[in-house]
C-alpha atoms as a PDB file:
ATOM      1  CA  MET A   1      46.978  22.832  10.432  1.00  0.00           C
ATOM      2  CA  VAL A   2      43.635  24.067  10.331  1.00  0.00           C
ATOM      3  CA  ASN A   3      42.289  21.865  12.424  1.00  0.00           C
ATOM      4  CA  ARG A   4      45.085  22.347  14.788  1.00  0.00           C
ATOM      5  CA  GLN A   5      44.462  25.987  14.867  1.00  0.00           C
ATOM      6  CA  VAL A   6      40.700  26.004  14.814  1.00  0.00           C
ATOM      7  CA  TRP A   7      41.688  23.623  18.435  1.00  0.00           C
ATOM      8  CA  LEU A   8      44.006  25.881  19.620  1.00  0.00           C
ATOM      9  CA  ASN A   9      41.730  29.218  18.954  1.00  0.00           C
ATOM     10  CA  PHE A  10      39.000  27.008  21.249  1.00  0.00           C
ATOM     11  CA  LEU A  11      41.779  26.811  23.958  1.00  0.00           C
ATOM     12  CA  ALA A  12      42.235  30.366  24.221  1.00  0.00           C
ATOM     13  CA  LEU A  13      38.542  31.016  24.931  1.00  0.00           C
ATOM     14  CA  LEU A  14      38.597  29.193  27.944  1.00  0.00           C
ATOM     15  CA  PRO A  15      40.370  30.785  30.400  1.00  0.00           C
ATOM     16  CA  SER A  16      38.511  33.956  29.662  1.00  0.00           C
ATOM     17  CA  THR A  17      35.448  31.803  30.339  1.00  0.00           C
ATOM     18  CA  THR A  18      35.666  30.071  32.935  1.00  0.00           C
ATOM     19  CA  LEU A  19      37.203  33.100  34.609  1.00  0.00           C
ATOM     20  CA  THR A  20      33.386  34.681  33.918  1.00  0.00           C
ATOM     21  CA  VAL A  21      31.670  31.695  34.862  1.00  0.00           C
ATOM     22  CA  LEU A  22      33.944  31.783  38.337  1.00  0.00           C
ATOM     23  CA  THR A  23      32.995  34.827  39.050  1.00  0.00           C
ATOM     24  CA  ILE A  24      29.686  34.819  38.567  1.00  0.00           C
ATOM     25  CA  ALA A  25      29.237  31.897  41.317  1.00  0.00           C
ATOM     26  CA  VAL A  26      32.038  33.335  43.124  1.00  0.00           C
ATOM     27  CA  ALA A  27      29.358  36.253  43.448  1.00  0.00           C
ATOM     28  CA  PHE A  28      26.093  33.942  43.581  1.00  0.00           C
ATOM     29  CA  LEU A  29      27.764  31.828  46.815  1.00  0.00           C
ATOM     30  CA  ARG A  30      28.416  35.278  48.349  1.00  0.00           C
ATOM     31  CA  PHE A  31      25.735  37.329  48.264  1.00  0.00           C
ATOM     32  CA  TYR A  32      22.748  34.923  47.880  1.00  0.00           C
ATOM     33  CA  ASP A  33      21.303  32.457  50.883  1.00  0.00           C
ATOM     34  CA  GLU A  34      19.072  29.756  51.262  1.00  0.00           C
ATOM     35  CA  GLN A  35      16.218  32.182  51.663  1.00  0.00           C
ATOM     36  CA  ASP A  36      16.715  33.447  47.466  1.00  0.00           C
ATOM     37  CA  PHE A  37      17.090  29.634  46.514  1.00  0.00           C
ATOM     38  CA  GLN A  38      16.568  26.596  47.828  1.00  0.00           C
ATOM     39  CA  PHE A  39      19.311  24.469  46.333  1.00  0.00           C
ATOM     40  CA  LEU A  40      21.807  26.436  47.945  1.00  0.00           C
ATOM     41  CA  GLN A  41      20.645  24.497  51.251  1.00  0.00           C
ATOM     42  CA  LEU A  42      22.636  21.905  49.418  1.00  0.00           C
ATOM     43  CA  ILE A  43      26.015  23.401  49.669  1.00  0.00           C
ATOM     44  CA  ALA A  44      27.510  22.904  53.737  1.00  0.00           C
ATOM     45  CA  ASP A  45      29.448  25.421  54.166  1.00  0.00           C
ATOM     46  CA  PRO A  46      28.544  28.206  51.114  1.00  0.00           C
ATOM     47  CA  ARG A  47      31.407  31.188  52.574  1.00  0.00           C
ATOM     48  CA  ALA A  48      34.451  28.423  52.406  1.00  0.00           C
ATOM     49  CA  TRP A  49      33.513  27.415  49.028  1.00  0.00           C
ATOM     50  CA  SER A  50      33.005  30.579  47.463  1.00  0.00           C
ATOM     51  CA  ASN A  51      36.649  31.271  49.594  1.00  0.00           C
ATOM     52  CA  ARG A  52      38.040  27.781  46.822  1.00  0.00           C
ATOM     53  CA  LEU A  53      36.789  29.368  44.064  1.00  0.00           C
ATOM     54  CA  THR A  54      37.872  32.976  44.606  1.00  0.00           C
ATOM     55  CA  VAL A  55      41.254  31.494  44.584  1.00  0.00           C
ATOM     56  CA  ALA A  56      40.352  29.426  41.347  1.00  0.00           C
ATOM     57  CA  ALA A  57      39.653  32.481  39.628  1.00  0.00           C
ATOM     58  CA  LEU A  58      42.844  34.212  40.976  1.00  0.00           C
ATOM     59  CA  LEU A  59      44.742  30.809  39.345  1.00  0.00           C
ATOM     60  CA  VAL A  60      42.651  31.110  35.922  1.00  0.00           C
ATOM     61  CA  ALA A  61      43.134  34.860  35.556  1.00  0.00           C
ATOM     62  CA  LEU A  62      47.361  34.561  35.963  1.00  0.00           C
ATOM     63  CA  VAL A  63      46.679  31.779  33.243  1.00  0.00           C
ATOM     64  CA  ASN A  64      44.521  33.987  31.264  1.00  0.00           C
ATOM     65  CA  PHE A  65      47.506  36.218  31.484  1.00  0.00           C
ATOM     66  CA  GLY A  66      49.880  33.491  29.957  1.00  0.00           C
ATOM     67  CA  VAL A  67      47.539  33.012  27.722  1.00  0.00           C
ATOM     68  CA  GLU A  68      46.930  36.910  26.335  1.00  0.00           C
ATOM     69  CA  TRP A  69      50.785  37.582  26.764  1.00  0.00           C
ATOM     70  CA  ASN A  70      51.489  34.738  24.654  1.00  0.00           C
ATOM     71  CA  SER A  71      49.682  35.259  22.137  1.00  0.00           C
ATOM     72  CA  ARG A  72      50.793  38.915  21.393  1.00  0.00           C
ATOM     73  CA  ASN A  73      54.061  38.080  21.195  1.00  0.00           C
ATOM     74  CA  ARG A  74      53.193  35.681  19.164  1.00  0.00           C
ATOM     75  CA  GLU A  75      51.653  38.090  16.745  1.00  0.00           C
ATOM     76  CA  ALA A  76      54.451  40.548  17.573  1.00  0.00           C
ATOM     77  CA  ASN A  77      56.765  38.042  16.210  1.00  0.00           C
ATOM     78  CA  ARG A  78      54.924  37.440  13.072  1.00  0.00           C
ATOM     79  CA  ARG A  79      55.147  41.014  12.359  1.00  0.00           C
ATOM     80  CA  VAL A  80      58.812  40.852  12.947  1.00  0.00           C
ATOM     81  CA  GLU A  81      59.436  37.569  10.701  1.00  0.00           C
ATOM     82  CA  GLU A  82      57.158  39.455   8.109  1.00  0.00           C
ATOM     83  CA  GLU A  83      58.907  42.865   8.363  1.00  0.00           C
ATOM     84  CA  GLN A  84      62.295  40.696   7.625  1.00  0.00           C
ATOM     85  CA  ARG A  85      61.583  38.523   4.638  1.00  0.00           C
ATOM     86  CA  ARG A  86      59.835  41.339   3.073  1.00  0.00           C
ATOM     87  CA  ALA A  87      62.964  43.982   3.651  1.00  0.00           C
ATOM     88  CA  LYS A  88      65.251  40.410   2.312  1.00  0.00           C
ATOM     89  CA  SER A  89      63.004  40.014  -0.795  1.00  0.00           C
ATOM     90  CA  GLU A  90      63.157  43.874  -1.513  1.00  0.00           C
ATOM     91  CA  GLU A  91      67.204  43.288  -1.125  1.00  0.00           C
ATOM     92  CA  ARG A  92      67.044  41.024  -3.466  1.00  0.00           C
ATOM     93  CA  ALA A  93      65.410  42.593  -5.908  1.00  0.00           C
ATOM     94  CA  ALA A  94      67.338  45.438  -6.408  1.00  0.00           C
ATOM     95  CA  ARG A  95      70.606  43.228  -6.177  1.00  0.00           C
ATOM     96  CA  ARG A  96      69.065  40.873  -9.274  1.00  0.00           C
ATOM     97  CA  ALA A  97      68.742  45.149 -10.509  1.00  0.00           C
ATOM     98  CA  ARG A  98      71.776  45.846 -10.012  1.00  0.00           C
ATOM     99  CA  ILE A  99      73.085  42.703 -11.530  1.00  0.00           C
ATOM    100  CA  GLU A 100      70.774  43.595 -15.125  1.00  0.00           C
ATOM    101  CA  THR A 101      72.056  46.871 -15.047  1.00  0.00           C
ATOM    102  CA  GLU A 102      75.763  46.255 -15.287  1.00  0.00           C
END
Protein backbone atom coordinates (compact mmCIF):
# COMPACT_ATOMS: atom_id res chain seq x y z
CA MET A 1 0.00 0.00 0.00
CA VAL A 2 2.77 2.44 0.89
CA ASN A 3 4.68 1.65 -2.31
CA ARG A 4 1.51 2.22 -4.35
CA GLN A 5 0.89 5.57 -2.65
CA VAL A 6 4.45 6.69 -3.43
CA TRP A 7 3.90 5.92 -7.12
CA LEU A 8 0.55 7.71 -7.13
CA ASN A 9 2.13 10.78 -5.57
CA PHE A 10 4.92 10.67 -8.15
CA LEU A 11 2.47 10.28 -11.04
CA ALA A 12 0.38 13.16 -9.72
CA LEU A 13 3.41 15.44 -10.17
CA LEU A 14 3.93 14.49 -13.81
CA PRO A 15 1.19 16.61 -15.43
CA SER A 16 2.25 19.85 -13.75
CA THR A 17 5.94 19.16 -14.40
CA THR A 18 5.26 18.27 -18.02
CA LEU A 19 3.16 21.41 -18.42
CA THR A 20 6.03 23.51 -17.11
CA VAL A 21 8.54 21.92 -19.48
CA LEU A 22 6.20 22.29 -22.46
CA THR A 23 5.55 25.95 -21.63
CA ILE A 24 9.29 26.62 -21.46
CA ALA A 25 9.81 24.81 -24.79
CA VAL A 26 7.02 26.80 -26.47
CA ALA A 27 8.44 30.08 -25.21
CA PHE A 28 11.93 29.04 -26.28
CA LEU A 29 10.78 28.21 -29.82
CA ARG A 30 8.68 31.38 -30.09
CA PHE A 31 11.17 33.93 -28.82
CA TYR A 32 14.56 32.65 -30.00
CA ASP A 33 15.88 31.88 -33.44
CA GLU A 34 18.95 30.42 -35.14
CA GLN A 35 21.09 33.49 -34.45
CA ASP A 36 20.56 33.07 -30.71
CA PHE A 37 21.09 29.31 -30.49
CA GLN A 38 22.87 27.25 -33.14
CA PHE A 39 21.06 24.00 -32.39
CA LEU A 40 17.75 25.59 -33.43
CA GLN A 41 18.99 25.13 -37.02
CA LEU A 42 18.30 21.42 -36.52
CA ILE A 43 14.57 22.10 -36.20
CA ALA A 44 13.04 22.40 -39.67
CA ASP A 45 10.02 24.54 -38.75
CA PRO A 46 10.21 25.99 -35.24
CA ARG A 47 6.82 27.74 -35.54
CA ALA A 48 5.04 24.46 -36.41
CA TRP A 49 6.78 22.70 -33.52
CA SER A 50 5.83 25.56 -31.22
CA ASN A 51 2.20 25.16 -32.27
CA ARG A 52 2.34 21.40 -31.69
CA LEU A 53 3.85 21.90 -28.26
CA THR A 54 1.17 24.49 -27.47
CA VAL A 55 -1.54 21.93 -28.27
CA ALA A 56 0.30 19.34 -26.16
CA ALA A 57 0.54 21.87 -23.30
CA LEU A 58 -3.21 22.50 -23.49
CA LEU A 59 -3.90 18.77 -23.31
CA VAL A 60 -1.54 18.38 -20.37
CA ALA A 61 -3.25 21.33 -18.66
CA LEU A 62 -6.57 19.48 -19.00
CA VAL A 63 -5.01 16.33 -17.55
CA ASN A 64 -3.52 18.35 -14.70
CA PHE A 65 -6.93 19.87 -14.02
CA GLY A 66 -8.41 16.36 -13.85
CA VAL A 67 -5.71 15.17 -11.48
CA GLU A 68 -6.23 18.15 -9.18
CA TRP A 69 -10.00 17.74 -9.31
CA ASN A 70 -9.71 14.05 -8.42
CA SER A 71 -7.28 14.79 -5.60
CA ARG A 72 -9.58 17.37 -4.05
CA ASN A 73 -12.60 15.10 -4.40
CA ARG A 74 -10.73 12.24 -2.70
CA GLU A 75 -9.70 14.57 0.13
CA ALA A 76 -13.27 15.83 0.57
CA ASN A 77 -14.59 12.24 0.55
CA ARG A 78 -11.97 11.22 3.10
CA ARG A 79 -13.07 14.05 5.41
CA VAL A 80 -16.75 13.17 5.05
CA GLU A 81 -16.07 9.48 5.73
CA GLU A 82 -13.97 10.40 8.76
CA GLU A 83 -16.78 12.59 10.08
CA GLN A 84 -19.31 9.79 9.53
CA ARG A 85 -17.08 7.28 11.36
CA ARG A 86 -16.67 9.70 14.26
CA ALA A 87 -20.44 10.31 14.43
CA LYS A 88 -21.14 6.55 14.41
CA SER A 89 -18.53 6.01 17.09
CA GLU A 90 -20.04 8.73 19.26
CA GLU A 91 -23.51 7.29 18.68
CA ARG A 92 -22.35 3.82 19.74
CA ALA A 93 -20.67 5.26 22.82
CA ALA A 94 -23.85 7.12 23.75
CA ARG A 95 -25.89 3.94 23.27
CA ARG A 96 -23.49 1.97 25.46
CA ALA A 97 -23.67 4.66 28.14
CA ARG A 98 -27.51 4.53 28.09
CA ILE A 99 -27.50 0.76 28.32
CA GLU A 100 -25.04 0.82 31.22
CA THR A 101 -27.11 3.36 33.15
CA GLU A 102 -30.35 1.35 32.80
